[in-house]
Structure formats: C-alpha cells, structure tokens
Amino acid sequence: MKSYLSLKIVSAVILTGVYLALFSSARAAQAKPAHTQTHTQTHTKTHTGTYQGSNGGSGTVNSTTTRGGGEATHNSTVTNQAGQTATHTADRTWDKASGTGTVNTSTTGFNGATASRQGTTVKNADGSVSGQGTITGPNGKTSTYAETTTRTATGTSSTGTITGPNGQVSTVNSSLNKTGPGSTTRDTTVTGPNGKSTEKEIATKVNPDGTGTRVVEVTKPDGTTETRTETFTITPAPKP
C-alpha cells in the first residue's frame, strides 16, 4: 500500500490526512485509463513487505491488485508492531468508449476510524482526466473534491481542491515522475485554508526480479518530518 503513514486518521486534519490516504494510491490509475469493459482477461499482483518508521514504528504490508475487464481492485492490510491492522480498499472502473469511470475507496486506520471516497472520472478533449466526488470523514461529515490530471513528459501532474463541510477550501498539487528504469517519485502537497501545508514525497525503486524499496517522507505543517522505509517483493515480477 502506498499511503499507510496517513492511515492514522486524525479528525483535526481530515482535509489533509484523508486526501493523502485516499488519493495517493489512485492517482496513476486515473491518469492512465487503459482498460476497457470489453477486455476480459485479468491480471493479479501481490505485494508483500516490511517497513520501519523514523518514529520507531514497524510492521508488515500485504496487498493484492487485480486489473481487467475495465476494472481495477486493490486491497491492502498493514499490521504494526503492536498487532493492530489498518486497511485500504479501492475499486475503479473505466469505460474507454465513453471516456468515463468511477472510483470508490475506503481507508480504516489502526484506531478503527474509517474514511471513504466516492467519485466519477471523465476524459477531456485535451486528453486530461477530471475527477469529482465526495469524501466522508471518520466523523461522518462530508467534503467535496475536484481534480484534473494531465500527462507530462515524465509522468503526470494533478491539481485539485477540497471543499470541507464548513465551506473552507484546501488546494492539492501532485506529480508523478519516472526517474529511471523501475524508479518513480511522487510528490503531493495539500495546503489548507489557513495557508499551512503538508507534503508527502514517495521514492520507489522496483528491481527486475520484483524486489524493491520505497521511502516515504511526510513534512508536517510545523516543519517536522516523518519517514518510513519499506522493503517489498512484487509477484509476479514486472515485465522487462
């Protein structure tokens, strides 16, 4: 799972924490609507690994992703050193003929609090993909979001807004770049209505045999940082 640092959902930072948790793992799929509803062959990948955080936390990560038939499903479980589990599920569909899709995700933190997202996506005339929908926080309150993702020379770039239950607006900027064979970087910044920002940077390296590493660094509004290093194996290994 790409975003389990932010699975510790805190109501006071719902606009930041929920966005990072619910959107980080969905960004690439929205930018690359490559599956059609007439293609029935499915492909499943599993991801298993361990992580170590700068705050002393550690644990295991297990996830499964299945693609095919115009649909992608993702299920992840993180178990920390205390035996507590956090989960993330996502279901995305895409119809190439109409250029439209749907997204439904749910994230449950180690404390049992759950946030979810429901939305739609559409491909624009210029090739960009726009999404909009609702985010329901662990307190049951609903926010709305809107975003647009465009392709770049090295990956994708996204911009968006989140409007909270009280009408205040946060902005979101994200980029995904391929930096070399098997290597990518993802940078997401959420700026709240008070002007304070939270940034998450993810650097991933996948080797030809399916092994890899991922380093996640979160910079909080007060300037402090939290990092996590993960070692994982993907099965089957990526094609050359």
C-alpha atoms as a PDB file:
ATOM      1  CA  MET A   1       0.000   0.000   0.000  1.00  0.00           C
ATOM      2  CA  LYS A   2       1.363   3.380  -0.989  1.00  0.00           C
ATOM      3  CA  SER A   3      -0.081   5.564   1.713  1.00  0.00           C
ATOM      4  CA  TYR A   4      -0.265   3.851   5.071  1.00  0.00           C
ATOM      5  CA  LEU A   5       1.606   6.556   7.008  1.00  0.00           C
ATOM      6  CA  SER A   6      -1.542   8.654   6.681  1.00  0.00           C
ATOM      7  CA  LEU A   7      -3.824   5.792   7.718  1.00  0.00           C
ATOM      8  CA  LYS A   8      -3.649   7.234  11.265  1.00  0.00           C
ATOM      9  CA  ILE A   9      -6.621   9.450  10.540  1.00  0.00           C
ATOM     10  CA  VAL A  10      -6.994  12.424  12.853  1.00  0.00           C
ATOM     11  CA  SER A  11     -10.221  14.409  12.645  1.00  0.00           C
ATOM     12  CA  ALA A  12      -8.419  17.709  13.214  1.00  0.00           C
ATOM     13  CA  VAL A  13      -6.526  17.295   9.945  1.00  0.00           C
ATOM     14  CA  ILE A  14      -9.214  15.488   7.963  1.00  0.00           C
ATOM     15  CA  LEU A  15      -8.788  17.508   4.781  1.00  0.00           C
ATOM     16  CA  THR A  16      -5.069  16.732   4.656  1.00  0.00           C
ATOM     17  CA  GLY A  17      -4.922  13.230   6.094  1.00  0.00           C
ATOM     18  CA  VAL A  18      -7.907  11.812   4.248  1.00  0.00           C
ATOM     19  CA  TYR A  19      -6.782  13.237   0.925  1.00  0.00           C
ATOM     20  CA  LEU A  20      -3.303  11.773   1.233  1.00  0.00           C
ATOM     21  CA  ALA A  21      -4.659   8.395   2.277  1.00  0.00           C
ATOM     22  CA  LEU A  22      -7.458   8.115  -0.260  1.00  0.00           C
ATOM     23  CA  PHE A  23      -5.872   9.748  -3.290  1.00  0.00           C
ATOM     24  CA  SER A  24      -2.225   8.751  -3.349  1.00  0.00           C
ATOM     25  CA  SER A  25      -2.902   5.191  -4.399  1.00  0.00           C
ATOM     26  CA  ALA A  26      -5.445   6.200  -7.035  1.00  0.00           C
ATOM     27  CA  ARG A  27      -3.583   8.930  -8.917  1.00  0.00           C
ATOM     28  CA  ALA A  28      -1.838   6.845 -11.548  1.00  0.00           C
ATOM     29  CA  ALA A  29      -4.941   4.825 -12.375  1.00  0.00           C
ATOM     30  CA  GLN A  30      -6.953   7.954 -13.105  1.00  0.00           C
ATOM     31  CA  ALA A  31      -4.217   9.351 -15.313  1.00  0.00           C
ATOM     32  CA  LYS A  32      -3.882   6.175 -17.385  1.00  0.00           C
ATOM     33  CA  PRO A  33      -7.383   4.868 -18.297  1.00  0.00           C
ATOM     34  CA  ALA A  34      -6.001   1.914 -20.226  1.00  0.00           C
ATOM     35  CA  HIS A  35      -8.621  -0.738 -19.517  1.00  0.00           C
ATOM     36  CA  THR A  36     -11.868  -1.268 -21.413  1.00  0.00           C
ATOM     37  CA  GLN A  37     -15.034  -3.063 -20.463  1.00  0.00           C
ATOM     38  CA  THR A  38     -14.662  -5.432 -23.425  1.00  0.00           C
ATOM     39  CA  HIS A  39     -11.253  -6.726 -22.285  1.00  0.00           C
ATOM     40  CA  THR A  40     -11.975  -9.682 -20.002  1.00  0.00           C
ATOM     41  CA  GLN A  41      -8.501 -11.024 -19.185  1.00  0.00           C
ATOM     42  CA  THR A  42      -7.489 -10.240 -15.601  1.00  0.00           C
ATOM     43  CA  HIS A  43      -4.047  -9.817 -14.071  1.00  0.00           C
ATOM     44  CA  THR A  44      -3.319 -10.046 -10.336  1.00  0.00           C
ATOM     45  CA  LYS A  45      -0.241  -8.827  -8.487  1.00  0.00           C
ATOM     46  CA  THR A  46       0.627  -9.306  -4.843  1.00  0.00           C
ATOM     47  CA  HIS A  47       2.837  -7.032  -2.772  1.00  0.00           C
ATOM     48  CA  THR A  48       4.416  -8.216   0.480  1.00  0.00           C
ATOM     49  CA  GLY A  49       6.924  -6.375   2.576  1.00  0.00           C
ATOM     50  CA  THR A  50       8.086  -4.889   5.861  1.00  0.00           C
ATOM     51  CA  TYR A  51       8.538  -1.277   6.965  1.00  0.00           C
ATOM     52  CA  GLN A  52      10.450   0.730   9.543  1.00  0.00           C
ATOM     53  CA  GLY A  53       9.468   4.262  10.529  1.00  0.00           C
ATOM     54  CA  SER A  54      11.570   7.107  11.893  1.00  0.00           C
ATOM     55  CA  ASN A  55       9.314   7.208  14.959  1.00  0.00           C
ATOM     56  CA  GLY A  56      10.213   3.624  15.852  1.00  0.00           C
ATOM     57  CA  GLY A  57       7.131   2.047  14.294  1.00  0.00           C
ATOM     58  CA  SER A  58       7.490  -1.100  12.222  1.00  0.00           C
ATOM     59  CA  GLY A  59       5.353  -3.819  10.713  1.00  0.00           C
ATOM     60  CA  THR A  60       4.275  -5.685   7.602  1.00  0.00           C
ATOM     61  CA  VAL A  61       2.437  -4.745   4.417  1.00  0.00           C
ATOM     62  CA  ASN A  62       0.352  -7.065   2.240  1.00  0.00           C
ATOM     63  CA  SER A  63      -1.708  -6.074  -0.776  1.00  0.00           C
ATOM     64  CA  THR A  64      -3.356  -7.518  -3.866  1.00  0.00           C
ATOM     65  CA  THR A  65      -4.235  -5.656  -7.069  1.00  0.00           C
ATOM     66  CA  THR A  66      -6.372  -7.154  -9.848  1.00  0.00           C
ATOM     67  CA  ARG A  67      -6.913  -5.470 -13.220  1.00  0.00           C
ATOM     68  CA  GLY A  68      -9.063  -6.454 -16.178  1.00  0.00           C
ATOM     69  CA  GLY A  69     -12.500  -6.133 -17.721  1.00  0.00           C
ATOM     70  CA  GLY A  70     -12.462  -2.368 -17.292  1.00  0.00           C
ATOM     71  CA  GLU A  71     -11.965  -2.612 -13.532  1.00  0.00           C
ATOM     72  CA  ALA A  72      -9.090  -2.390 -11.051  1.00  0.00           C
ATOM     73  CA  THR A  73      -9.457  -3.521  -7.436  1.00  0.00           C
ATOM     74  CA  HIS A  74      -6.901  -3.042  -4.691  1.00  0.00           C
ATOM     75  CA  ASN A  75      -6.896  -4.423  -1.143  1.00  0.00           C
ATOM     76  CA  SER A  76      -4.144  -3.648   1.374  1.00  0.00           C
ATOM     77  CA  THR A  77      -3.501  -4.531   5.001  1.00  0.00           C
ATOM     78  CA  VAL A  78      -0.830  -3.032   7.240  1.00  0.00           C
ATOM     79  CA  THR A  79      -0.011  -4.675  10.576  1.00  0.00           C
ATOM     80  CA  ASN A  80       2.055  -2.673  13.063  1.00  0.00           C
ATOM     81  CA  GLN A  81       4.406  -3.872  15.799  1.00  0.00           C
ATOM     82  CA  ALA A  82       1.516  -3.984  18.285  1.00  0.00           C
ATOM     83  CA  GLY A  83      -0.507  -6.320  16.064  1.00  0.00           C
ATOM     84  CA  GLN A  84      -3.017  -3.619  15.104  1.00  0.00           C
ATOM     85  CA  THR A  85      -4.192  -3.543  11.476  1.00  0.00           C
ATOM     86  CA  ALA A  86      -5.087  -0.768   9.062  1.00  0.00           C
ATOM     87  CA  THR A  87      -6.754  -1.424   5.706  1.00  0.00           C
ATOM     88  CA  HIS A  88      -7.264   0.318   2.374  1.00  0.00           C
ATOM     89  CA  THR A  89      -9.598  -0.855  -0.397  1.00  0.00           C
ATOM     90  CA  ALA A  90     -10.179   0.711  -3.796  1.00  0.00           C
ATOM     91  CA  ASP A  91     -12.379  -0.161  -6.748  1.00  0.00           C
ATOM     92  CA  ARG A  92     -12.009   1.769 -10.003  1.00  0.00           C
ATOM     93  CA  THR A  93     -13.759   1.263 -13.330  1.00  0.00           C
ATOM     94  CA  TRP A  94     -13.105   2.774 -16.736  1.00  0.00           C
ATOM     95  CA  ASP A  95     -15.076   2.651 -19.995  1.00  0.00           C
ATOM     96  CA  LYS A  96     -12.757   3.622 -22.856  1.00  0.00           C
ATOM     97  CA  ALA A  97     -15.624   4.047 -25.321  1.00  0.00           C
ATOM     98  CA  SER A  98     -17.342   6.764 -23.274  1.00  0.00           C
ATOM     99  CA  GLY A  99     -14.216   8.085 -21.567  1.00  0.00           C
ATOM    100  CA  THR A 100     -15.811   7.835 -18.127  1.00  0.00           C
ATOM    101  CA  GLY A 101     -15.116   5.951 -14.914  1.00  0.00           C
ATOM    102  CA  THR A 102     -15.906   5.566 -11.240  1.00  0.00           C
ATOM    103  CA  VAL A 103     -13.835   5.346  -8.073  1.00  0.00           C
ATOM    104  CA  ASN A 104     -14.747   4.057  -4.616  1.00  0.00           C
ATOM    105  CA  THR A 105     -12.198   3.789  -1.811  1.00  0.00           C
ATOM    106  CA  SER A 106     -12.223   3.169   1.919  1.00  0.00           C
ATOM    107  CA  THR A 107      -9.433   3.574   4.478  1.00  0.00           C
ATOM    108  CA  THR A 108      -9.589   2.298   8.072  1.00  0.00           C
ATOM    109  CA  GLY A 109      -6.849   3.360  10.466  1.00  0.00           C
ATOM    110  CA  PHE A 110      -5.224   1.466  13.308  1.00  0.00           C
ATOM    111  CA  ASN A 111      -7.729   3.118  15.664  1.00  0.00           C
ATOM    112  CA  GLY A 112     -10.707   1.742  13.700  1.00  0.00           C
ATOM    113  CA  ALA A 113     -11.772   5.101  12.248  1.00  0.00           C
ATOM    114  CA  THR A 114     -12.874   4.911   8.602  1.00  0.00           C
ATOM    115  CA  ALA A 115     -12.926   7.461   5.772  1.00  0.00           C
ATOM    116  CA  SER A 116     -14.248   6.831   2.270  1.00  0.00           C
ATOM    117  CA  ARG A 117     -14.372   8.416  -1.162  1.00  0.00           C
ATOM    118  CA  GLN A 118     -16.903   8.087  -3.978  1.00  0.00           C
ATOM    119  CA  GLY A 119     -16.447   9.817  -7.311  1.00  0.00           C
ATOM    120  CA  THR A 120     -16.512   9.836 -11.079  1.00  0.00           C
ATOM    121  CA  THR A 121     -13.845  10.490 -13.709  1.00  0.00           C
ATOM    122  CA  VAL A 122     -14.058  11.714 -17.307  1.00  0.00           C
ATOM    123  CA  LYS A 123     -11.522  12.139 -20.095  1.00  0.00           C
ATOM    124  CA  ASN A 124     -11.474  15.659 -21.529  1.00  0.00           C
ATOM    125  CA  ALA A 125     -10.975  16.698 -25.144  1.00  0.00           C
ATOM    126  CA  ASP A 126      -7.378  17.720 -24.433  1.00  0.00           C
ATOM    127  CA  GLY A 127      -6.539  14.262 -23.068  1.00  0.00           C
ATOM    128  CA  SER A 128      -6.577  15.242 -19.388  1.00  0.00           C
ATOM    129  CA  VAL A 129      -8.723  13.337 -16.879  1.00  0.00           C
ATOM    130  CA  SER A 130     -11.005  15.154 -14.431  1.00  0.00           C
ATOM    131  CA  GLY A 131     -12.491  13.698 -11.275  1.00  0.00           C
ATOM    132  CA  GLN A 132     -15.036  14.869  -8.755  1.00  0.00           C
ATOM    133  CA  GLY A 133     -16.975  13.411  -5.851  1.00  0.00           C
ATOM    134  CA  THR A 134     -17.298  13.263  -2.095  1.00  0.00           C
ATOM    135  CA  ILE A 135     -15.100  12.337   0.852  1.00  0.00           C
ATOM    136  CA  THR A 136     -16.764  11.113   4.041  1.00  0.00           C
ATOM    137  CA  GLY A 137     -14.570  11.512   7.089  1.00  0.00           C
ATOM    138  CA  PRO A 138     -14.380   9.335  10.212  1.00  0.00           C
ATOM    139  CA  ASN A 139     -16.727  11.778  11.946  1.00  0.00           C
ATOM    140  CA  GLY A 140     -19.384  11.227   9.262  1.00  0.00           C
ATOM    141  CA  LYS A 141     -19.041  14.728   7.800  1.00  0.00           C
ATOM    142  CA  THR A 142     -18.771  15.082   4.021  1.00  0.00           C
ATOM    143  CA  SER A 143     -16.397  17.133   1.885  1.00  0.00           C
ATOM    144  CA  THR A 144     -16.371  17.529  -1.898  1.00  0.00           C
ATOM    145  CA  TYR A 145     -13.377  17.375  -4.210  1.00  0.00           C
ATOM    146  CA  ALA A 146     -12.487  18.206  -7.806  1.00  0.00           C
ATOM    147  CA  GLU A 147      -9.204  17.463  -9.599  1.00  0.00           C
ATOM    148  CA  THR A 148      -7.646  17.322 -13.055  1.00  0.00           C
ATOM    149  CA  THR A 149      -4.721  15.104 -14.086  1.00  0.00           C
ATOM    150  CA  THR A 150      -2.592  15.702 -17.184  1.00  0.00           C
ATOM    151  CA  ARG A 151       0.241  13.752 -18.739  1.00  0.00           C
ATOM    152  CA  THR A 152       3.763  15.180 -18.714  1.00  0.00           C
ATOM    153  CA  ALA A 153       6.981  14.164 -20.466  1.00  0.00           C
ATOM    154  CA  THR A 154       7.986  12.025 -17.472  1.00  0.00           C
ATOM    155  CA  GLY A 155       4.647  11.115 -15.841  1.00  0.00           C
ATOM    156  CA  THR A 156       1.586  13.018 -14.663  1.00  0.00           C
ATOM    157  CA  SER A 157       0.655  16.246 -12.908  1.00  0.00           C
ATOM    158  CA  SER A 158      -2.526  16.881 -10.922  1.00  0.00           C
ATOM    159  CA  THR A 159      -4.228  19.879  -9.351  1.00  0.00           C
ATOM    160  CA  GLY A 160      -7.393  19.963  -7.289  1.00  0.00           C
ATOM    161  CA  THR A 161      -9.422  21.384  -4.440  1.00  0.00           C
ATOM    162  CA  ILE A 162     -11.268  20.013  -1.425  1.00  0.00           C
ATOM    163  CA  THR A 163     -14.215  21.916  -0.004  1.00  0.00           C
ATOM    164  CA  GLY A 164     -14.855  20.990   3.607  1.00  0.00           C
ATOM    165  CA  PRO A 165     -18.174  20.685   5.449  1.00  0.00           C
ATOM    166  CA  ASN A 166     -17.797  24.286   6.599  1.00  0.00           C
ATOM    167  CA  GLY A 167     -17.168  25.569   3.070  1.00  0.00           C
ATOM    168  CA  GLN A 168     -13.442  26.202   3.527  1.00  0.00           C
ATOM    169  CA  VAL A 169     -11.234  25.205   0.590  1.00  0.00           C
ATOM    170  CA  SER A 170      -7.911  23.352   0.554  1.00  0.00           C
ATOM    171  CA  THR A 171      -5.749  23.018  -2.554  1.00  0.00           C
ATOM    172  CA  VAL A 172      -3.887  19.921  -3.706  1.00  0.00           C
ATOM    173  CA  ASN A 173      -0.961  19.613  -6.100  1.00  0.00           C
ATOM    174  CA  SER A 174       0.603  16.293  -7.040  1.00  0.00           C
ATOM    175  CA  SER A 175       3.133  14.973  -9.540  1.00  0.00           C
ATOM    176  CA  LEU A 176       4.339  11.503 -10.516  1.00  0.00           C
ATOM    177  CA  ASN A 177       7.609  11.199 -12.416  1.00  0.00           C
ATOM    178  CA  LYS A 178       9.620   8.298 -13.793  1.00  0.00           C
ATOM    179  CA  THR A 179      13.226   8.976 -12.849  1.00  0.00           C
ATOM    180  CA  GLY A 180      14.856   5.861 -14.327  1.00  0.00           C
ATOM    181  CA  PRO A 181      14.268   2.156 -15.045  1.00  0.00           C
ATOM    182  CA  GLY A 182      11.919   0.929 -12.319  1.00  0.00           C
ATOM    183  CA  SER A 183      12.214   4.211 -10.395  1.00  0.00           C
ATOM    184  CA  THR A 184       9.480   6.775  -9.714  1.00  0.00           C
ATOM    185  CA  THR A 185       8.933   9.730  -7.426  1.00  0.00           C
ATOM    186  CA  ARG A 186       5.576  11.077  -6.266  1.00  0.00           C
ATOM    187  CA  ASP A 187       5.105  14.423  -4.535  1.00  0.00           C
ATOM    188  CA  THR A 188       1.775  15.540  -3.055  1.00  0.00           C
ATOM    189  CA  THR A 189       1.184  18.842  -1.265  1.00  0.00           C
ATOM    190  CA  VAL A 190      -2.059  19.769   0.485  1.00  0.00           C
ATOM    191  CA  THR A 191      -2.440  23.407   1.526  1.00  0.00           C
ATOM    192  CA  GLY A 192      -5.217  24.143   3.996  1.00  0.00           C
ATOM    193  CA  PRO A 193      -7.431  27.231   4.117  1.00  0.00           C
ATOM    194  CA  ASN A 194      -5.075  28.640   6.768  1.00  0.00           C
ATOM    195  CA  GLY A 195      -2.184  28.535   4.289  1.00  0.00           C
ATOM    196  CA  LYS A 196      -0.328  25.744   6.086  1.00  0.00           C
ATOM    197  CA  SER A 197       0.832  22.772   4.027  1.00  0.00           C
ATOM    198  CA  THR A 198       1.517  19.074   4.427  1.00  0.00           C
ATOM    199  CA  GLU A 199       3.786  17.415   1.862  1.00  0.00           C
ATOM    200  CA  LYS A 200       4.367  13.746   1.138  1.00  0.00           C
ATOM    201  CA  GLU A 201       7.230  12.536  -1.048  1.00  0.00           C
ATOM    202  CA  ILE A 202       7.497   8.901  -2.154  1.00  0.00           C
ATOM    203  CA  ALA A 203      10.546   7.449  -3.906  1.00  0.00           C
ATOM    204  CA  THR A 204      10.061   3.900  -5.230  1.00  0.00           C
ATOM    205  CA  LYS A 205      12.567   1.548  -6.858  1.00  0.00           C
ATOM    206  CA  VAL A 206      11.446  -1.807  -8.314  1.00  0.00           C
ATOM    207  CA  ASN A 207      14.132  -4.230  -9.473  1.00  0.00           C
ATOM    208  CA  PRO A 208      13.736  -6.634 -12.429  1.00  0.00           C
ATOM    209  CA  ASP A 209      13.242  -9.582 -10.045  1.00  0.00           C
ATOM    210  CA  GLY A 210      10.277  -7.888  -8.335  1.00  0.00           C
ATOM    211  CA  THR A 211      12.098  -6.827  -5.172  1.00  0.00           C
ATOM    212  CA  GLY A 212      12.207  -3.169  -4.299  1.00  0.00           C
ATOM    213  CA  THR A 213      12.333  -0.345  -1.800  1.00  0.00           C
ATOM    214  CA  ARG A 214      10.112   2.633  -1.040  1.00  0.00           C
ATOM    215  CA  VAL A 215      10.984   5.663   1.061  1.00  0.00           C
ATOM    216  CA  VAL A 216       8.153   7.922   2.227  1.00  0.00           C
ATOM    217  CA  GLU A 217       8.750  11.302   3.827  1.00  0.00           C
ATOM    218  CA  VAL A 218       5.937  13.418   5.250  1.00  0.00           C
ATOM    219  CA  THR A 219       6.610  17.052   6.124  1.00  0.00           C
ATOM    220  CA  LYS A 220       4.014  18.415   8.542  1.00  0.00           C
ATOM    221  CA  PRO A 221       2.729  22.000   8.765  1.00  0.00           C
ATOM    222  CA  ASP A 222       5.085  22.691  11.696  1.00  0.00           C
ATOM    223  CA  GLY A 223       8.085  21.721   9.562  1.00  0.00           C
ATOM    224  CA  THR A 224       8.808  18.419  11.294  1.00  0.00           C
ATOM    225  CA  THR A 225       9.260  15.307   9.161  1.00  0.00           C
ATOM    226  CA  GLU A 226       8.392  11.649   9.493  1.00  0.00           C
ATOM    227  CA  THR A 227       9.887   8.970   7.268  1.00  0.00           C
ATOM    228  CA  ARG A 228       9.219   5.328   6.547  1.00  0.00           C
ATOM    229  CA  THR A 229      11.387   2.855   4.645  1.00  0.00           C
ATOM    230  CA  GLU A 230       9.806  -0.240   3.132  1.00  0.00           C
ATOM    231  CA  THR A 231      11.341  -3.343   1.558  1.00  0.00           C
ATOM    232  CA  PHE A 232       8.954  -5.382  -0.579  1.00  0.00           C
ATOM    233  CA  THR A 233       8.508  -8.089  -3.201  1.00  0.00           C
ATOM    234  CA  ILE A 234       6.023  -7.942  -6.088  1.00  0.00           C
ATOM    235  CA  THR A 235       4.694 -11.201  -7.581  1.00  0.00           C
ATOM    236  CA  PRO A 236       4.818 -11.789 -10.494  1.00  0.00           C
ATOM    237  CA  ALA A 237       7.879  -9.664 -11.191  1.00  0.00           C
ATOM    238  CA  PRO A 238       7.376  -6.719 -13.588  1.00  0.00           C
ATOM    239  CA  LYS A 239       7.904  -7.457 -17.281  1.00  0.00           C
ATOM    240  CA  PRO A 240      11.171  -6.101 -18.743  1.00  0.00           C
END
